[in-house]
Amino acid sequence: MMNKRNDAVVCKDGFQMSVQHGDGLYCSPREDNAESYYEVEVGFPSEAVPLLAQYQEILNDLEGDPLPPTESVYPYVPSSLIPLICMQHGGIVSGELPPGVMFVTAELMEKLK
């Protein structure tokens, strides 16, 4: 059974990104329905994310110019970076993450203040 795709993560400040897992995607393990993923595929963040820069897949547009960070895919991102990115944006208000990736809610972030 193929994994459904996760809804994009939306953070308290409006930041969004796609975080995916499964067979044929840039994740580890590269299979559907694993108990936990230690690397995930991130795509199309709503703004540039310094923590993701080294993972950006460099592709060019039709004119040969590199695609901007917001139009890029980030293969094999360590799962441990996802909660850090979400915390920088106030925590998650909606969306889904792969199994084994810590889901840091905006509500939790408020309690930690």
Protein backbone atom coordinates (compact mmCIF):
# COMPACT_ATOMS: atom_id res chain seq x y z
CA MET A 1 0.00 0.00 0.00
CA MET A 2 1.49 3.34 -1.05
CA ASN A 3 1.75 6.15 1.51
CA LYS A 4 -0.54 9.10 0.99
CA ARG A 5 1.26 12.40 0.75
CA ASN A 6 1.39 14.53 3.89
CA ASP A 7 -0.41 17.84 4.08
CA ALA A 8 2.06 20.73 4.15
CA VAL A 9 3.25 21.85 7.57
CA VAL A 10 2.02 25.35 8.47
CA CYS A 11 3.68 27.19 11.35
CA LYS A 12 2.33 29.90 13.63
CA ASP A 13 4.07 32.71 11.71
CA GLY A 14 2.69 31.47 8.36
CA PHE A 15 5.81 29.60 7.23
CA GLN A 16 5.00 26.44 5.23
CA MET A 17 6.89 23.47 3.83
CA SER A 18 6.14 20.01 2.52
CA VAL A 19 7.74 17.13 4.49
CA GLN A 20 7.34 13.76 2.77
CA HIS A 21 8.38 10.13 3.10
CA GLY A 22 7.90 6.86 1.25
CA ASP A 23 9.05 4.66 -1.59
CA GLY A 24 10.48 6.67 -4.48
CA LEU A 25 11.06 9.79 -2.38
CA TYR A 26 14.29 11.27 -1.04
CA CYS A 27 14.05 9.79 2.48
CA SER A 28 15.55 7.05 4.63
CA PRO A 29 14.39 4.42 4.83
CA ARG A 30 13.17 4.76 1.26
CA GLU A 31 10.02 2.72 1.75
CA ASP A 32 6.35 3.13 2.51
CA ASN A 33 4.98 2.67 6.01
CA ALA A 34 8.26 2.51 7.96
CA GLU A 35 7.93 2.94 11.72
CA SER A 36 10.31 5.90 11.66
CA TYR A 37 12.22 8.00 9.13
CA TYR A 38 15.64 9.43 9.96
CA GLU A 39 15.86 11.44 6.72
CA VAL A 40 12.94 13.10 4.92
CA GLU A 41 12.21 14.96 1.71
CA VAL A 42 11.41 18.65 2.19
CA GLY A 43 9.91 20.69 -0.60
CA PHE A 44 8.88 24.19 -1.49
CA PRO A 45 9.39 26.10 1.77
CA SER A 46 7.57 29.42 1.76
CA GLU A 47 10.87 31.21 2.48
CA ALA A 48 14.57 30.36 2.39
CA VAL A 49 15.67 28.25 5.39
CA PRO A 50 19.38 28.46 6.30
CA LEU A 51 19.24 25.04 8.02
CA LEU A 52 18.16 23.49 4.70
CA ALA A 53 20.59 25.29 2.37
CA GLN A 54 23.16 22.49 2.18
CA TYR A 55 20.48 19.97 1.15
CA GLN A 56 18.94 21.99 -1.70
CA GLU A 57 18.71 20.13 -4.99
CA ILE A 58 20.10 22.61 -7.50
CA LEU A 59 17.90 22.64 -10.59
CA ASN A 60 17.69 25.26 -13.30
CA ASP A 61 14.70 26.98 -14.85
CA LEU A 62 14.16 27.14 -18.62
CA GLU A 63 16.59 30.08 -18.92
CA GLY A 64 19.31 28.12 -17.11
CA ASP A 65 19.10 30.09 -13.86
CA PRO A 66 19.03 28.16 -10.56
CA LEU A 67 15.59 27.79 -9.04
CA PRO A 68 15.10 29.83 -5.86
CA PRO A 69 14.97 28.05 -2.49
CA THR A 70 11.17 28.36 -2.37
CA GLU A 71 10.81 26.38 -5.61
CA SER A 72 13.24 23.62 -4.67
CA VAL A 73 13.30 20.14 -3.20
CA TYR A 74 15.64 19.20 -0.35
CA PRO A 75 16.56 15.49 -0.43
CA TYR A 76 17.60 13.41 2.58
CA VAL A 77 17.18 16.11 5.24
CA PRO A 78 17.92 14.74 8.72
CA SER A 79 14.60 14.37 10.56
CA SER A 80 16.12 16.11 13.59
CA LEU A 81 16.21 19.41 11.67
CA ILE A 82 12.44 19.51 11.07
CA PRO A 83 11.42 20.35 14.67
CA LEU A 84 14.18 22.98 14.87
CA ILE A 85 12.87 24.69 11.74
CA CYS A 86 9.30 24.54 13.06
CA MET A 87 10.38 25.96 16.42
CA GLN A 88 12.04 28.91 14.65
CA HIS A 89 8.62 29.69 13.17
CA GLY A 90 6.58 29.42 16.36
CA GLY A 91 5.57 25.77 16.12
CA ILE A 92 3.14 23.87 13.93
CA VAL A 93 -0.52 24.87 13.67
CA SER A 94 -1.49 22.36 10.96
CA GLY A 95 -0.10 19.73 8.64
CA GLU A 96 1.50 16.32 8.92
CA LEU A 97 4.97 14.88 9.46
CA PRO A 98 6.41 11.44 8.74
CA PRO A 99 6.48 8.85 11.53
CA GLY A 100 9.34 9.43 13.94
CA VAL A 101 9.64 13.17 13.29
CA MET A 102 8.90 15.26 16.39
CA PHE A 103 5.74 17.36 15.96
CA VAL A 104 6.33 20.65 17.82
CA THR A 105 3.01 22.46 18.10
CA ALA A 106 2.52 26.20 18.47
CA GLU A 107 0.65 25.41 21.69
CA LEU A 108 3.74 23.69 23.11
CA MET A 109 5.92 26.63 22.04
CA GLU A 110 3.63 29.01 23.99
CA LYS A 111 3.96 26.85 27.11
CA LEU A 112 7.77 26.95 26.82
CA LYS A 113 7.90 30.76 26.87
